[in-house]
Amino acid sequence: MMTSTYWMTYLKIESRTLWTIFCISMLMVSQMVKAEDTNLLAAEKMLDAFYSFDQPALTKLLTPGDDADRVLYYQAWAQAANYRIKKRRPCVVNEEATILCAITVFDDFGETLDYTATDTFYLSVKDNKVVAASFEGDDPLVFSVLYVWMRVFRSELFDGACKDMFEGGDTPAQCSKAVVQAARDFVDIF
């Protein structure tokens, strides 16, 4: 038969063990939250550099590679099309641990075709650097129609200024300006 002294000793040991487990768990959660906060700050810094068109600062925040090249291309494209922030939401971490950043912008495309669009960046951050990045816009159908129209009636753009657009092309500003002009021509015709 177990005595009350035994149970008291057992409960003290159990409560110490539980307290230790609780403390370790809280420390681990704290470290995960701190890492997530650090990653979110790095993502926000990347957006600051992107939308202030500070290419040297943006380059420092990106791990070299294809994703970085596309982001730098897009930044030059956005600068040439006069992107201005309308609404910037804080970046958030989704269930796959990807950082999502949504920014609604005014730009020459939207002004010409009468819309605003939201860019959504999908980022992975490690050691305060963006190691993977992709992005998409929610441009309306009219922009897709413009693209098809350009393929048919301005096909020379895709052999010139827009050659390899977003896939290794080296004239993003010229391409952006050419697409804006094409949009203006498109609106004048229709």
C-alpha atoms as a PDB file:
ATOM      1  CA  MET A   1       0.000   0.000   0.000  1.00  0.00           C
ATOM      2  CA  MET A   2       1.302   3.425  -0.931  1.00  0.00           C
ATOM      3  CA  THR A   3       1.544   5.989   1.779  1.00  0.00           C
ATOM      4  CA  SER A   4       0.598   9.609   1.553  1.00  0.00           C
ATOM      5  CA  THR A   5       4.313  10.488   1.755  1.00  0.00           C
ATOM      6  CA  TYR A   6       4.914   8.511  -1.413  1.00  0.00           C
ATOM      7  CA  TRP A   7       2.122  10.331  -3.273  1.00  0.00           C
ATOM      8  CA  MET A   8       3.333  13.693  -2.056  1.00  0.00           C
ATOM      9  CA  THR A   9       6.847  12.941  -3.289  1.00  0.00           C
ATOM     10  CA  TYR A  10       5.487  11.571  -6.583  1.00  0.00           C
ATOM     11  CA  LEU A  11       3.294  14.628  -7.142  1.00  0.00           C
ATOM     12  CA  LYS A  12       6.221  16.970  -6.428  1.00  0.00           C
ATOM     13  CA  ILE A  13       8.328  15.159  -8.989  1.00  0.00           C
ATOM     14  CA  GLU A  14       5.472  15.141 -11.489  1.00  0.00           C
ATOM     15  CA  SER A  15       4.757  18.838 -10.986  1.00  0.00           C
ATOM     16  CA  ARG A  16       8.465  19.671 -11.459  1.00  0.00           C
ATOM     17  CA  THR A  17       8.541  17.569 -14.604  1.00  0.00           C
ATOM     18  CA  LEU A  18       5.383  19.198 -15.909  1.00  0.00           C
ATOM     19  CA  TRP A  19       6.734  22.652 -15.073  1.00  0.00           C
ATOM     20  CA  THR A  20       9.999  21.850 -16.895  1.00  0.00           C
ATOM     21  CA  ILE A  21       8.135  20.553 -19.934  1.00  0.00           C
ATOM     22  CA  PHE A  22       5.930  23.654 -19.921  1.00  0.00           C
ATOM     23  CA  CYS A  23       8.939  25.985 -19.712  1.00  0.00           C
ATOM     24  CA  ILE A  24      10.780  24.192 -22.521  1.00  0.00           C
ATOM     25  CA  SER A  25       7.643  24.263 -24.677  1.00  0.00           C
ATOM     26  CA  MET A  26       7.161  27.975 -24.098  1.00  0.00           C
ATOM     27  CA  LEU A  27      10.804  28.625 -24.952  1.00  0.00           C
ATOM     28  CA  MET A  28      10.449  26.662 -28.191  1.00  0.00           C
ATOM     29  CA  VAL A  29       7.268  28.533 -29.148  1.00  0.00           C
ATOM     30  CA  SER A  30       8.981  31.812 -28.335  1.00  0.00           C
ATOM     31  CA  GLN A  31      11.898  30.928 -30.616  1.00  0.00           C
ATOM     32  CA  MET A  32       9.550  29.920 -33.447  1.00  0.00           C
ATOM     33  CA  VAL A  33       7.602  33.171 -33.095  1.00  0.00           C
ATOM     34  CA  LYS A  34      10.848  35.145 -33.021  1.00  0.00           C
ATOM     35  CA  ALA A  35      12.061  33.399 -36.213  1.00  0.00           C
ATOM     36  CA  GLU A  36       8.704  34.052 -37.893  1.00  0.00           C
ATOM     37  CA  ASP A  37       8.840  37.733 -36.858  1.00  0.00           C
ATOM     38  CA  THR A  38      12.399  38.020 -38.192  1.00  0.00           C
ATOM     39  CA  ASN A  39      11.333  36.474 -41.505  1.00  0.00           C
ATOM     40  CA  LEU A  40       8.356  38.821 -41.754  1.00  0.00           C
ATOM     41  CA  LEU A  41      10.629  41.805 -41.117  1.00  0.00           C
ATOM     42  CA  ALA A  42      12.967  40.654 -43.880  1.00  0.00           C
ATOM     43  CA  ALA A  43       9.991  40.312 -46.254  1.00  0.00           C
ATOM     44  CA  GLU A  44       8.784  43.811 -45.360  1.00  0.00           C
ATOM     45  CA  LYS A  45      12.292  45.197 -45.985  1.00  0.00           C
ATOM     46  CA  MET A  46      12.293  43.520 -49.381  1.00  0.00           C
ATOM     47  CA  LEU A  47       9.013  45.250 -50.240  1.00  0.00           C
ATOM     48  CA  ASP A  48      10.371  48.586 -49.012  1.00  0.00           C
ATOM     49  CA  ALA A  49      13.326  48.237 -51.380  1.00  0.00           C
ATOM     50  CA  PHE A  50      11.133  46.955 -54.232  1.00  0.00           C
ATOM     51  CA  TYR A  51       8.580  49.789 -54.156  1.00  0.00           C
ATOM     52  CA  SER A  52      11.121  52.530 -53.442  1.00  0.00           C
ATOM     53  CA  PHE A  53      12.949  51.232 -56.538  1.00  0.00           C
ATOM     54  CA  ASP A  54      16.182  50.868 -54.590  1.00  0.00           C
ATOM     55  CA  GLN A  55      17.761  48.111 -56.681  1.00  0.00           C
ATOM     56  CA  PRO A  56      21.035  47.868 -54.694  1.00  0.00           C
ATOM     57  CA  ALA A  57      19.100  47.411 -51.437  1.00  0.00           C
ATOM     58  CA  LEU A  58      16.756  44.905 -53.059  1.00  0.00           C
ATOM     59  CA  THR A  59      19.658  42.930 -54.505  1.00  0.00           C
ATOM     60  CA  LYS A  60      21.233  42.617 -51.037  1.00  0.00           C
ATOM     61  CA  LEU A  61      18.012  41.098 -49.681  1.00  0.00           C
ATOM     62  CA  LEU A  62      17.741  38.429 -52.392  1.00  0.00           C
ATOM     63  CA  THR A  63      19.637  35.164 -52.700  1.00  0.00           C
ATOM     64  CA  PRO A  64      21.088  35.130 -56.235  1.00  0.00           C
ATOM     65  CA  GLY A  65      19.281  32.909 -58.722  1.00  0.00           C
ATOM     66  CA  ASP A  66      16.347  32.760 -61.103  1.00  0.00           C
ATOM     67  CA  ASP A  67      13.807  34.006 -58.537  1.00  0.00           C
ATOM     68  CA  ALA A  68      15.987  36.999 -57.704  1.00  0.00           C
ATOM     69  CA  ASP A  69      16.419  37.755 -61.410  1.00  0.00           C
ATOM     70  CA  ARG A  70      12.629  37.746 -61.910  1.00  0.00           C
ATOM     71  CA  VAL A  71      12.093  40.031 -58.898  1.00  0.00           C
ATOM     72  CA  LEU A  72      14.734  42.478 -60.168  1.00  0.00           C
ATOM     73  CA  TYR A  73      13.187  42.370 -63.656  1.00  0.00           C
ATOM     74  CA  TYR A  74       9.762  43.057 -62.179  1.00  0.00           C
ATOM     75  CA  GLN A  75      11.101  45.937 -60.114  1.00  0.00           C
ATOM     76  CA  ALA A  76      12.513  47.623 -63.240  1.00  0.00           C
ATOM     77  CA  TRP A  77       9.229  46.905 -65.062  1.00  0.00           C
ATOM     78  CA  ALA A  78       7.216  48.414 -62.177  1.00  0.00           C
ATOM     79  CA  GLN A  79       9.420  51.492 -61.972  1.00  0.00           C
ATOM     80  CA  ALA A  80       9.024  52.163 -65.710  1.00  0.00           C
ATOM     81  CA  ALA A  81       5.227  51.829 -65.383  1.00  0.00           C
ATOM     82  CA  ASN A  82       5.180  54.266 -62.438  1.00  0.00           C
ATOM     83  CA  TYR A  83       3.884  51.862 -59.787  1.00  0.00           C
ATOM     84  CA  ARG A  84       2.632  53.711 -56.709  1.00  0.00           C
ATOM     85  CA  ILE A  85       1.280  51.999 -53.625  1.00  0.00           C
ATOM     86  CA  LYS A  86      -2.431  52.446 -53.022  1.00  0.00           C
ATOM     87  CA  LYS A  87      -2.725  49.959 -50.144  1.00  0.00           C
ATOM     88  CA  ARG A  88      -0.041  47.887 -48.486  1.00  0.00           C
ATOM     89  CA  ARG A  89      -1.149  45.130 -46.181  1.00  0.00           C
ATOM     90  CA  PRO A  90       1.210  43.568 -43.641  1.00  0.00           C
ATOM     91  CA  CYS A  91       2.871  40.365 -44.794  1.00  0.00           C
ATOM     92  CA  VAL A  92       1.490  37.172 -43.268  1.00  0.00           C
ATOM     93  CA  VAL A  93       2.666  33.576 -42.989  1.00  0.00           C
ATOM     94  CA  ASN A  94       0.344  30.958 -44.483  1.00  0.00           C
ATOM     95  CA  GLU A  95      -0.113  27.336 -43.431  1.00  0.00           C
ATOM     96  CA  GLU A  96       2.762  26.207 -45.703  1.00  0.00           C
ATOM     97  CA  ALA A  97       5.115  28.669 -43.932  1.00  0.00           C
ATOM     98  CA  THR A  98       5.270  30.858 -47.045  1.00  0.00           C
ATOM     99  CA  ILE A  99       5.154  34.601 -46.503  1.00  0.00           C
ATOM    100  CA  LEU A 100       2.408  36.353 -48.486  1.00  0.00           C
ATOM    101  CA  CYS A 101       2.563  40.083 -49.110  1.00  0.00           C
ATOM    102  CA  ALA A 102      -0.268  41.837 -50.988  1.00  0.00           C
ATOM    103  CA  ILE A 103       0.145  45.381 -52.321  1.00  0.00           C
ATOM    104  CA  THR A 104      -2.487  47.217 -54.354  1.00  0.00           C
ATOM    105  CA  VAL A 105      -0.924  49.666 -56.783  1.00  0.00           C
ATOM    106  CA  PHE A 106      -1.748  52.469 -59.162  1.00  0.00           C
ATOM    107  CA  ASP A 107       0.232  52.234 -62.392  1.00  0.00           C
ATOM    108  CA  ASP A 108       0.242  53.354 -66.014  1.00  0.00           C
ATOM    109  CA  PHE A 109      -1.467  50.120 -67.132  1.00  0.00           C
ATOM    110  CA  GLY A 110      -4.339  50.576 -64.710  1.00  0.00           C
ATOM    111  CA  GLU A 111      -4.709  54.253 -65.493  1.00  0.00           C
ATOM    112  CA  THR A 112      -4.831  53.494 -69.221  1.00  0.00           C
ATOM    113  CA  LEU A 113      -7.216  50.539 -68.903  1.00  0.00           C
ATOM    114  CA  ASP A 114      -9.139  51.949 -65.899  1.00  0.00           C
ATOM    115  CA  TYR A 115      -8.355  49.491 -63.095  1.00  0.00           C
ATOM    116  CA  THR A 116      -6.160  48.950 -60.041  1.00  0.00           C
ATOM    117  CA  ALA A 117      -4.368  45.694 -59.377  1.00  0.00           C
ATOM    118  CA  THR A 118      -2.930  43.888 -56.400  1.00  0.00           C
ATOM    119  CA  ASP A 119       0.481  42.247 -56.542  1.00  0.00           C
ATOM    120  CA  THR A 120       0.880  39.257 -54.250  1.00  0.00           C
ATOM    121  CA  PHE A 121       4.404  38.138 -53.452  1.00  0.00           C
ATOM    122  CA  TYR A 122       5.083  34.612 -52.156  1.00  0.00           C
ATOM    123  CA  LEU A 123       8.379  34.588 -50.278  1.00  0.00           C
ATOM    124  CA  SER A 124      10.586  32.182 -48.378  1.00  0.00           C
ATOM    125  CA  VAL A 125      13.157  33.766 -46.092  1.00  0.00           C
ATOM    126  CA  LYS A 126      16.222  32.286 -44.457  1.00  0.00           C
ATOM    127  CA  ASP A 127      18.918  34.177 -42.538  1.00  0.00           C
ATOM    128  CA  ASN A 128      17.260  37.530 -43.376  1.00  0.00           C
ATOM    129  CA  LYS A 129      17.435  36.892 -47.136  1.00  0.00           C
ATOM    130  CA  VAL A 130      14.700  35.993 -49.563  1.00  0.00           C
ATOM    131  CA  VAL A 131      15.673  32.550 -50.837  1.00  0.00           C
ATOM    132  CA  ALA A 132      12.593  31.951 -53.002  1.00  0.00           C
ATOM    133  CA  ALA A 133      10.151  34.414 -54.523  1.00  0.00           C
ATOM    134  CA  SER A 134       7.258  34.417 -56.911  1.00  0.00           C
ATOM    135  CA  PHE A 135       4.499  36.896 -57.539  1.00  0.00           C
ATOM    136  CA  GLU A 136       1.196  37.263 -59.274  1.00  0.00           C
ATOM    137  CA  GLY A 137      -1.192  40.055 -60.034  1.00  0.00           C
ATOM    138  CA  ASP A 138      -4.944  40.135 -60.145  1.00  0.00           C
ATOM    139  CA  ASP A 139      -5.103  42.151 -63.346  1.00  0.00           C
ATOM    140  CA  PRO A 140      -8.588  42.005 -64.839  1.00  0.00           C
ATOM    141  CA  LEU A 141      -9.546  40.263 -68.070  1.00  0.00           C
ATOM    142  CA  VAL A 142      -8.882  43.415 -70.101  1.00  0.00           C
ATOM    143  CA  PHE A 143      -5.149  43.031 -69.472  1.00  0.00           C
ATOM    144  CA  SER A 144      -5.265  39.455 -70.816  1.00  0.00           C
ATOM    145  CA  VAL A 145      -7.190  40.680 -73.861  1.00  0.00           C
ATOM    146  CA  LEU A 146      -4.531  43.366 -74.339  1.00  0.00           C
ATOM    147  CA  TYR A 147      -1.814  40.699 -74.178  1.00  0.00           C
ATOM    148  CA  VAL A 148      -3.512  38.620 -76.882  1.00  0.00           C
ATOM    149  CA  TRP A 149      -4.066  41.757 -78.978  1.00  0.00           C
ATOM    150  CA  MET A 150      -0.358  42.581 -78.626  1.00  0.00           C
ATOM    151  CA  ARG A 151       0.587  39.050 -79.729  1.00  0.00           C
ATOM    152  CA  VAL A 152      -1.461  39.550 -82.891  1.00  0.00           C
ATOM    153  CA  PHE A 153      -1.019  43.264 -83.679  1.00  0.00           C
ATOM    154  CA  ARG A 154       2.242  44.147 -81.895  1.00  0.00           C
ATOM    155  CA  SER A 155       4.097  40.845 -82.221  1.00  0.00           C
ATOM    156  CA  GLU A 156       7.369  42.694 -82.895  1.00  0.00           C
ATOM    157  CA  LEU A 157       7.447  43.621 -79.194  1.00  0.00           C
ATOM    158  CA  PHE A 158       8.061  39.976 -78.298  1.00  0.00           C
ATOM    159  CA  ASP A 159      11.104  39.853 -80.535  1.00  0.00           C
ATOM    160  CA  GLY A 160      12.362  43.210 -79.278  1.00  0.00           C
ATOM    161  CA  ALA A 161      11.780  45.019 -75.975  1.00  0.00           C
ATOM    162  CA  CYS A 162       9.654  42.202 -74.510  1.00  0.00           C
ATOM    163  CA  LYS A 163      11.806  39.288 -75.638  1.00  0.00           C
ATOM    164  CA  ASP A 164      11.867  36.724 -72.816  1.00  0.00           C
ATOM    165  CA  MET A 165       9.649  38.940 -70.675  1.00  0.00           C
ATOM    166  CA  PHE A 166      10.030  37.835 -67.010  1.00  0.00           C
ATOM    167  CA  GLU A 167      12.080  34.831 -68.135  1.00  0.00           C
ATOM    168  CA  GLY A 168      15.589  36.159 -68.584  1.00  0.00           C
ATOM    169  CA  GLY A 169      14.827  39.227 -70.678  1.00  0.00           C
ATOM    170  CA  ASP A 170      17.160  42.144 -70.183  1.00  0.00           C
ATOM    171  CA  THR A 171      15.011  45.151 -71.145  1.00  0.00           C
ATOM    172  CA  PRO A 172      12.246  45.310 -68.514  1.00  0.00           C
ATOM    173  CA  ALA A 173      11.860  49.094 -68.543  1.00  0.00           C
ATOM    174  CA  GLN A 174      11.638  49.257 -72.332  1.00  0.00           C
ATOM    175  CA  CYS A 175       9.162  46.366 -72.340  1.00  0.00           C
ATOM    176  CA  SER A 176       7.000  47.988 -69.678  1.00  0.00           C
ATOM    177  CA  LYS A 177       6.897  51.287 -71.568  1.00  0.00           C
ATOM    178  CA  ALA A 178       6.118  49.468 -74.835  1.00  0.00           C
ATOM    179  CA  VAL A 179       3.215  47.613 -73.183  1.00  0.00           C
ATOM    180  CA  VAL A 180       1.874  50.879 -71.751  1.00  0.00           C
ATOM    181  CA  GLN A 181       1.999  52.420 -75.242  1.00  0.00           C
ATOM    182  CA  ALA A 182       0.313  49.347 -76.682  1.00  0.00           C
ATOM    183  CA  ALA A 183      -2.412  49.695 -74.040  1.00  0.00           C
ATOM    184  CA  ARG A 184      -2.934  53.311 -75.072  1.00  0.00           C
ATOM    185  CA  ASP A 185      -3.168  52.301 -78.731  1.00  0.00           C
ATOM    186  CA  PHE A 186      -5.574  49.503 -77.799  1.00  0.00           C
ATOM    187  CA  VAL A 187      -7.840  51.924 -75.895  1.00  0.00           C
ATOM    188  CA  ASP A 188      -7.768  54.431 -78.804  1.00  0.00           C
ATOM    189  CA  ILE A 189      -8.882  51.718 -81.235  1.00  0.00           C
ATOM    190  CA  PHE A 190     -11.655  50.360 -79.065  1.00  0.00           C
END
